[in-house]
Each structure stands twice: as structure tokens, then as C-alpha cells.
């Protein structure tokens, strides 16, 4: 069934199934997102600015663990996140970072690309971000 948006434009894009996420999980995910941004910022700065040879391990762990928790929190609400644009972007980001870390792709450019893709994807409108791709 097609649906109209507030501006009267037809929107027939299907988004994934919506589940239940308790309010306290939403609040907790906001705090986790802030921690994730700190870890990710140090990770990005370490590779882009060449100030230090590698990001400190604690920040890498913080970025990956908080990212995993954010993915779980998102899955509680969007049960098909793996089939949605946001889930695919997350997987692409992880693959790019892994390939760069292991030397398959140029490090600085790939890390920057992963962060740009993640930023654009996370700030896209909800109907775009949670659109089912397959």
C-alpha cells in the first residue's frame, strides 16, 4: 500500500519490520552513541593526522564494543536491520576498516571513506536509512 508523506509526495518504499524497544534502551543508546563517537574520533584522528602511529587500543575497543551495542539497540527496533540500508552501510564500514587495517586497501583514504559513508548513512532520513534493500 502506498503512503503519502506530509508534503503530499507518494512514498512506496518498504522499510523493515518494527519491533519493541524499551524507552530506557533508547536513552542508554544515546549515551552509548556519545561514547562511540569519542572512540571513533580518536580512531579517525590517529589515521588521518599521523600524530600517533596507531590509535590507542582502548579507543579501538571502545569504538568496536559501543558500535556493537548500538547495532543491538538498533536491531531491537528495526528487526531487519541487516536487510536495510543502515545495516548494509554498517557491514561495508566494518569490511572497509578491516581491509585497510590488514593492508588490502590504502589506510588513510579507506578510513576516511568508511567514516564518510557512515556519516551520510546515519544522517539520511529515516525512510531512506531503514529502506529494505533485499
N, C-alpha and C. Protein backbone atom coordinates (compact mmCIF):
# COMPACT_ATOMS: atom_id res chain seq x y z
N UNK A 1 0.83 -1.17 0.00
CA UNK A 1 0.00 0.00 0.00
C UNK A 1 0.87 1.24 0.00
N UNK A 2 0.55 2.17 -0.85
CA UNK A 2 1.34 3.39 -0.93
C UNK A 2 0.89 4.37 0.14
N UNK A 3 1.83 5.17 0.52
CA UNK A 3 1.54 6.11 1.59
C UNK A 3 2.04 7.49 1.17
N UNK A 4 1.37 8.51 1.62
CA UNK A 4 1.79 9.86 1.27
C UNK A 4 2.52 10.48 2.44
N UNK A 5 3.54 11.26 2.13
CA UNK A 5 4.26 11.96 3.17
C UNK A 5 3.56 13.28 3.45
N UNK A 6 4.10 14.05 4.39
CA UNK A 6 3.48 15.31 4.77
C UNK A 6 3.41 16.30 3.63
N UNK A 7 4.36 16.23 2.69
CA UNK A 7 4.33 17.18 1.59
C UNK A 7 3.52 16.66 0.40
N UNK A 8 2.81 15.55 0.59
CA UNK A 8 1.92 15.03 -0.44
C UNK A 8 2.58 14.15 -1.48
N UNK A 9 3.88 13.91 -1.34
CA UNK A 9 4.61 13.08 -2.29
C UNK A 9 4.40 11.63 -1.91
N UNK A 10 4.13 10.81 -2.92
CA UNK A 10 3.90 9.40 -2.68
C UNK A 10 5.19 8.71 -2.27
N UNK A 11 5.12 7.84 -1.29
CA UNK A 11 6.30 7.12 -0.82
C UNK A 11 5.94 5.65 -0.66
N UNK A 12 6.40 4.83 -1.60
CA UNK A 12 6.06 3.42 -1.56
C UNK A 12 7.23 2.56 -1.11
N UNK A 13 8.30 3.17 -0.60
CA UNK A 13 9.46 2.41 -0.16
C UNK A 13 9.10 1.59 1.08
N UNK A 14 9.52 0.35 1.05
CA UNK A 14 9.25 -0.52 2.19
C UNK A 14 10.39 -0.41 3.18
N UNK A 15 10.03 -0.28 4.44
CA UNK A 15 11.04 -0.31 5.48
C UNK A 15 10.88 -1.61 6.26
N UNK A 16 11.91 -1.96 7.00
CA UNK A 16 11.90 -3.23 7.72
C UNK A 16 10.88 -3.26 8.84
N UNK A 17 10.66 -4.47 9.36
CA UNK A 17 9.72 -4.65 10.48
C UNK A 17 10.17 -3.86 11.69
N UNK A 18 9.21 -3.31 12.38
CA UNK A 18 9.49 -2.54 13.59
C UNK A 18 9.17 -3.40 14.80
N UNK A 19 10.11 -3.48 15.73
CA UNK A 19 9.91 -4.23 16.96
C UNK A 19 9.74 -3.28 18.13
N UNK A 20 9.78 -3.81 19.32
CA UNK A 20 9.62 -3.02 20.52
C UNK A 20 10.99 -2.78 21.15
N UNK A 21 11.26 -1.52 21.44
CA UNK A 21 12.49 -1.16 22.16
C UNK A 21 12.08 -0.33 23.36
N UNK A 22 12.38 -0.79 24.56
CA UNK A 22 12.00 -0.02 25.75
C UNK A 22 12.64 1.37 25.74
N UNK A 23 11.98 2.29 26.36
CA UNK A 23 12.45 3.68 26.39
C UNK A 23 13.84 3.78 27.04
N UNK A 24 14.08 2.99 28.07
CA UNK A 24 15.37 3.07 28.76
C UNK A 24 16.50 2.62 27.83
N UNK A 25 16.20 1.73 26.88
CA UNK A 25 17.22 1.29 25.92
C UNK A 25 17.54 2.44 24.97
N UNK A 26 16.52 3.21 24.59
CA UNK A 26 16.74 4.39 23.74
C UNK A 26 17.66 5.38 24.44
N UNK A 27 17.37 5.69 25.70
CA UNK A 27 18.20 6.63 26.46
C UNK A 27 19.62 6.10 26.60
N UNK A 28 19.74 4.81 26.92
CA UNK A 28 21.06 4.20 27.04
C UNK A 28 21.81 4.24 25.71
N UNK A 29 21.11 4.03 24.60
CA UNK A 29 21.77 4.05 23.29
C UNK A 29 22.29 5.44 22.94
N UNK A 30 21.65 6.48 23.44
CA UNK A 30 22.15 7.85 23.22
C UNK A 30 23.48 8.04 23.93
N UNK A 31 23.58 7.55 25.15
CA UNK A 31 24.84 7.63 25.89
C UNK A 31 25.92 6.77 25.23
N UNK A 32 25.54 5.59 24.78
CA UNK A 32 26.50 4.71 24.11
C UNK A 32 26.98 5.36 22.81
N UNK A 33 26.08 6.03 22.10
CA UNK A 33 26.46 6.71 20.86
C UNK A 33 27.51 7.80 21.14
N UNK A 34 27.36 8.52 22.24
CA UNK A 34 28.35 9.53 22.60
C UNK A 34 29.72 8.89 22.86
N UNK A 35 29.73 7.77 23.58
CA UNK A 35 30.98 7.05 23.84
C UNK A 35 31.57 6.54 22.51
N UNK A 36 30.71 6.05 21.64
CA UNK A 36 31.15 5.55 20.33
C UNK A 36 31.81 6.66 19.52
N UNK A 37 31.23 7.84 19.58
CA UNK A 37 31.80 8.96 18.82
C UNK A 37 33.18 9.35 19.34
N UNK A 38 33.39 9.23 20.64
CA UNK A 38 34.71 9.53 21.21
C UNK A 38 35.74 8.52 20.70
N UNK A 39 35.40 7.23 20.79
CA UNK A 39 36.32 6.20 20.29
C UNK A 39 36.57 6.34 18.80
N UNK A 40 35.52 6.61 18.04
CA UNK A 40 35.66 6.75 16.60
C UNK A 40 36.46 7.99 16.23
N UNK A 41 36.29 9.07 16.98
CA UNK A 41 37.04 10.30 16.70
C UNK A 41 38.53 10.10 16.89
N UNK A 42 38.92 9.42 17.96
CA UNK A 42 40.34 9.14 18.20
C UNK A 42 40.86 8.20 17.11
N UNK A 43 40.08 7.20 16.75
CA UNK A 43 40.44 6.25 15.69
C UNK A 43 40.70 7.00 14.38
N UNK A 44 39.76 7.88 14.00
CA UNK A 44 39.89 8.63 12.76
C UNK A 44 41.08 9.59 12.82
N UNK A 45 41.21 10.30 13.92
CA UNK A 45 42.30 11.27 14.05
C UNK A 45 43.66 10.58 13.99
N UNK A 46 43.78 9.41 14.60
CA UNK A 46 45.05 8.70 14.61
C UNK A 46 45.51 8.36 13.19
N UNK A 47 44.58 7.98 12.34
CA UNK A 47 44.96 7.60 10.98
C UNK A 47 45.06 8.79 10.03
N UNK A 48 44.29 9.82 10.26
CA UNK A 48 44.33 10.96 9.34
C UNK A 48 45.44 11.94 9.65
N UNK A 49 45.74 12.13 10.93
CA UNK A 49 46.69 13.18 11.31
C UNK A 49 48.11 12.67 11.49
N UNK A 50 48.32 11.39 11.50
CA UNK A 50 49.64 10.81 11.71
C UNK A 50 50.31 11.31 12.99
N UNK A 51 49.53 11.75 13.96
CA UNK A 51 50.08 12.23 15.22
C UNK A 51 50.64 11.08 16.05
N UNK A 52 50.00 9.94 15.95
CA UNK A 52 50.46 8.74 16.62
C UNK A 52 50.43 7.61 15.60
N UNK A 53 51.29 6.61 15.77
CA UNK A 53 51.37 5.56 14.74
C UNK A 53 50.09 4.75 14.59
N UNK A 54 49.39 4.49 15.68
CA UNK A 54 48.14 3.73 15.66
C UNK A 54 47.25 4.30 16.75
N UNK A 55 45.95 4.12 16.60
CA UNK A 55 45.08 4.57 17.70
C UNK A 55 45.32 3.70 18.94
N UNK A 56 45.23 4.31 20.12
CA UNK A 56 45.39 3.52 21.34
C UNK A 56 44.36 2.39 21.39
N UNK A 57 44.79 1.24 21.85
CA UNK A 57 43.95 0.04 21.86
C UNK A 57 42.64 0.29 22.62
N UNK A 58 42.69 1.04 23.70
CA UNK A 58 41.49 1.27 24.49
C UNK A 58 40.42 1.98 23.66
N UNK A 59 40.81 2.91 22.80
CA UNK A 59 39.84 3.61 21.97
C UNK A 59 39.29 2.72 20.86
N UNK A 60 40.12 1.84 20.35
CA UNK A 60 39.64 0.88 19.34
C UNK A 60 38.62 -0.05 19.97
N UNK A 61 38.91 -0.54 21.15
CA UNK A 61 37.98 -1.41 21.86
C UNK A 61 36.68 -0.68 22.17
N UNK A 62 36.79 0.56 22.65
CA UNK A 62 35.60 1.37 22.95
C UNK A 62 34.75 1.56 21.68
N UNK A 63 35.39 1.88 20.57
CA UNK A 63 34.66 2.11 19.32
C UNK A 63 33.95 0.84 18.85
N UNK A 64 34.63 -0.30 18.89
CA UNK A 64 34.02 -1.54 18.40
C UNK A 64 32.95 -2.08 19.34
N UNK A 65 33.21 -2.05 20.65
CA UNK A 65 32.20 -2.54 21.59
C UNK A 65 30.95 -1.65 21.59
N UNK A 66 31.15 -0.34 21.62
CA UNK A 66 29.99 0.56 21.61
C UNK A 66 29.25 0.46 20.28
N UNK A 67 29.97 0.27 19.19
CA UNK A 67 29.32 0.08 17.89
C UNK A 67 28.47 -1.18 17.87
N UNK A 68 28.99 -2.25 18.47
CA UNK A 68 28.21 -3.48 18.57
C UNK A 68 26.96 -3.30 19.42
N UNK A 69 27.09 -2.59 20.54
CA UNK A 69 25.93 -2.32 21.39
C UNK A 69 24.90 -1.45 20.66
N UNK A 70 25.37 -0.50 19.87
CA UNK A 70 24.44 0.33 19.09
C UNK A 70 23.71 -0.51 18.05
N UNK A 71 24.41 -1.44 17.45
CA UNK A 71 23.77 -2.31 16.47
C UNK A 71 22.70 -3.18 17.12
N UNK A 72 22.97 -3.69 18.32
CA UNK A 72 21.98 -4.47 19.05
C UNK A 72 20.77 -3.60 19.40
N UNK A 73 21.02 -2.40 19.86
CA UNK A 73 19.94 -1.47 20.20
C UNK A 73 19.08 -1.16 18.97
N UNK A 74 19.73 -0.97 17.85
CA UNK A 74 19.00 -0.69 16.60
C UNK A 74 18.21 -1.91 16.16
N UNK A 75 18.78 -3.09 16.37
CA UNK A 75 18.09 -4.32 15.98
C UNK A 75 16.82 -4.52 16.80
N UNK A 76 16.81 -4.09 18.06
CA UNK A 76 15.60 -4.22 18.87
C UNK A 76 14.42 -3.51 18.22
N UNK A 77 14.68 -2.36 17.61
CA UNK A 77 13.61 -1.60 16.98
C UNK A 77 13.41 -2.01 15.53
N UNK A 78 14.49 -2.16 14.81
CA UNK A 78 14.43 -2.50 13.37
C UNK A 78 14.93 -3.92 13.20
N UNK A 79 14.01 -4.88 13.24
CA UNK A 79 14.35 -6.30 13.27
C UNK A 79 15.01 -6.80 11.99
N UNK A 80 14.91 -6.06 10.91
CA UNK A 80 15.53 -6.48 9.65
C UNK A 80 16.70 -5.56 9.30
N UNK A 81 17.40 -5.09 10.31
CA UNK A 81 18.47 -4.12 10.08
C UNK A 81 19.52 -4.64 9.10
N UNK A 82 19.74 -5.93 9.05
CA UNK A 82 20.71 -6.50 8.11
C UNK A 82 20.29 -6.36 6.66
N UNK A 83 19.00 -6.21 6.42
CA UNK A 83 18.48 -6.04 5.05
C UNK A 83 18.23 -4.59 4.71
N UNK A 84 18.38 -3.71 5.68
CA UNK A 84 18.13 -2.29 5.47
C UNK A 84 19.42 -1.58 5.07
N UNK A 85 19.27 -0.38 4.52
CA UNK A 85 20.43 0.40 4.10
C UNK A 85 21.37 0.63 5.28
N UNK A 86 20.84 0.93 6.45
CA UNK A 86 21.71 1.20 7.61
C UNK A 86 22.56 -0.02 7.98
N UNK A 87 22.00 -1.20 7.91
CA UNK A 87 22.76 -2.41 8.21
C UNK A 87 23.81 -2.71 7.17
N UNK A 88 23.46 -2.50 5.91
CA UNK A 88 24.43 -2.73 4.83
C UNK A 88 25.59 -1.74 4.95
N UNK A 89 25.27 -0.49 5.28
CA UNK A 89 26.33 0.51 5.47
C UNK A 89 27.25 0.10 6.61
N UNK A 90 26.69 -0.41 7.69
CA UNK A 90 27.50 -0.86 8.82
C UNK A 90 28.43 -2.00 8.41
N UNK A 91 27.92 -2.95 7.65
CA UNK A 91 28.76 -4.07 7.21
C UNK A 91 29.85 -3.59 6.25
N UNK A 92 29.51 -2.68 5.34
CA UNK A 92 30.50 -2.13 4.42
C UNK A 92 31.58 -1.40 5.20
N UNK A 93 31.17 -0.62 6.21
CA UNK A 93 32.12 0.12 7.03
C UNK A 93 33.08 -0.84 7.73
N UNK A 94 32.56 -1.91 8.31
CA UNK A 94 33.41 -2.88 9.00
C UNK A 94 34.37 -3.55 8.02
N UNK A 95 33.87 -3.93 6.85
CA UNK A 95 34.73 -4.56 5.85
C UNK A 95 35.82 -3.60 5.36
N UNK A 96 35.48 -2.34 5.13
CA UNK A 96 36.48 -1.36 4.69
C UNK A 96 37.55 -1.16 5.76
N UNK A 97 37.12 -1.00 7.00
CA UNK A 97 38.10 -0.80 8.08
C UNK A 97 38.99 -2.03 8.26
N UNK A 98 38.43 -3.21 8.15
CA UNK A 98 39.22 -4.43 8.25
C UNK A 98 40.22 -4.56 7.10
N UNK A 99 39.76 -4.26 5.90
CA UNK A 99 40.65 -4.33 4.73
C UNK A 99 41.79 -3.31 4.84
N UNK A 100 41.48 -2.12 5.33
CA UNK A 100 42.51 -1.10 5.49
C UNK A 100 43.50 -1.50 6.58
N UNK A 101 42.98 -1.99 7.69
CA UNK A 101 43.84 -2.39 8.81
C UNK A 101 44.80 -3.50 8.41
N UNK A 102 44.34 -4.44 7.59
CA UNK A 102 45.18 -5.57 7.18
C UNK A 102 45.98 -5.29 5.92
N UNK A 103 45.94 -4.06 5.42
CA UNK A 103 46.80 -3.65 4.32
C UNK A 103 46.28 -3.95 2.92
N UNK A 104 45.03 -4.35 2.78
CA UNK A 104 44.48 -4.62 1.46
C UNK A 104 44.07 -3.35 0.72
N UNK A 105 43.79 -2.30 1.46
CA UNK A 105 43.42 -1.01 0.89
C UNK A 105 44.26 0.08 1.54
N UNK A 106 44.44 1.23 0.86
CA UNK A 106 45.22 2.31 1.47
C UNK A 106 44.55 2.79 2.77
N UNK A 107 45.33 2.89 3.81
CA UNK A 107 44.81 3.11 5.15
C UNK A 107 44.06 4.44 5.31
N UNK A 108 44.73 5.55 5.07
CA UNK A 108 44.10 6.85 5.33
C UNK A 108 42.85 7.07 4.50
N UNK A 109 42.94 6.81 3.23
CA UNK A 109 41.80 7.05 2.34
C UNK A 109 40.62 6.15 2.68
N UNK A 110 40.90 4.90 3.00
CA UNK A 110 39.83 3.95 3.30
C UNK A 110 39.15 4.28 4.62
N UNK A 111 39.93 4.63 5.64
CA UNK A 111 39.34 5.01 6.92
C UNK A 111 38.46 6.24 6.74
N UNK A 112 38.93 7.22 6.00
CA UNK A 112 38.12 8.41 5.74
C UNK A 112 36.85 8.05 4.97
N UNK A 113 36.96 7.21 3.97
CA UNK A 113 35.79 6.79 3.20
C UNK A 113 34.78 6.07 4.09
N UNK A 114 35.25 5.20 4.96
CA UNK A 114 34.34 4.48 5.87
C UNK A 114 33.59 5.46 6.76
N UNK A 115 34.27 6.47 7.26
CA UNK A 115 33.62 7.45 8.13
C UNK A 115 32.64 8.33 7.35
N UNK A 116 32.96 8.68 6.14
CA UNK A 116 32.03 9.49 5.32
C UNK A 116 30.78 8.67 5.01
N UNK A 117 30.95 7.42 4.61
CA UNK A 117 29.80 6.56 4.31
C UNK A 117 28.92 6.41 5.55
N UNK A 118 29.54 6.18 6.71
CA UNK A 118 28.78 6.01 7.95
C UNK A 118 28.05 7.30 8.33
N UNK A 119 28.69 8.42 8.14
CA UNK A 119 28.07 9.70 8.49
C UNK A 119 26.88 10.02 7.59
N UNK A 120 27.04 9.82 6.31
CA UNK A 120 25.94 10.07 5.37
C UNK A 120 24.79 9.11 5.66
N UNK A 121 25.11 7.85 5.88
CA UNK A 121 24.07 6.86 6.17
C UNK A 121 23.33 7.13 7.46
N UNK A 122 24.04 7.56 8.48
CA UNK A 122 23.38 7.78 9.77
C UNK A 122 22.57 9.07 9.81
N UNK A 123 22.84 9.98 8.89
CA UNK A 123 22.08 11.24 8.86
C UNK A 123 21.05 11.28 7.74
N UNK A 124 20.91 10.20 7.03
CA UNK A 124 19.88 10.14 5.98
C UNK A 124 18.50 10.08 6.65
N UNK A 125 17.47 10.54 5.96
CA UNK A 125 16.12 10.45 6.54
C UNK A 125 15.75 9.01 6.88
N UNK A 126 14.90 8.86 7.87
CA UNK A 126 14.52 7.53 8.37
C UNK A 126 14.01 6.62 7.26
N UNK A 127 13.18 7.13 6.36
CA UNK A 127 12.62 6.31 5.28
C UNK A 127 13.69 5.84 4.30
N UNK A 128 14.80 6.55 4.24
CA UNK A 128 15.91 6.14 3.38
C UNK A 128 16.81 5.18 4.15
N UNK A 129 17.16 5.53 5.37
CA UNK A 129 18.07 4.76 6.20
C UNK A 129 17.55 3.35 6.48
N UNK A 130 16.24 3.22 6.65
CA UNK A 130 15.65 1.92 7.02
C UNK A 130 14.91 1.26 5.86
N UNK A 131 15.19 1.70 4.67
CA UNK A 131 14.61 1.09 3.47
C UNK A 131 15.17 -0.31 3.28
N UNK A 132 14.29 -1.24 2.99
CA UNK A 132 14.74 -2.61 2.70
C UNK A 132 15.42 -2.65 1.35
N UNK A 133 16.63 -3.19 1.30
CA UNK A 133 17.34 -3.31 0.04
C UNK A 133 17.11 -4.65 -0.62
N UNK A 134 16.92 -5.68 0.18
CA UNK A 134 16.66 -7.02 -0.36
C UNK A 134 15.86 -7.81 0.64
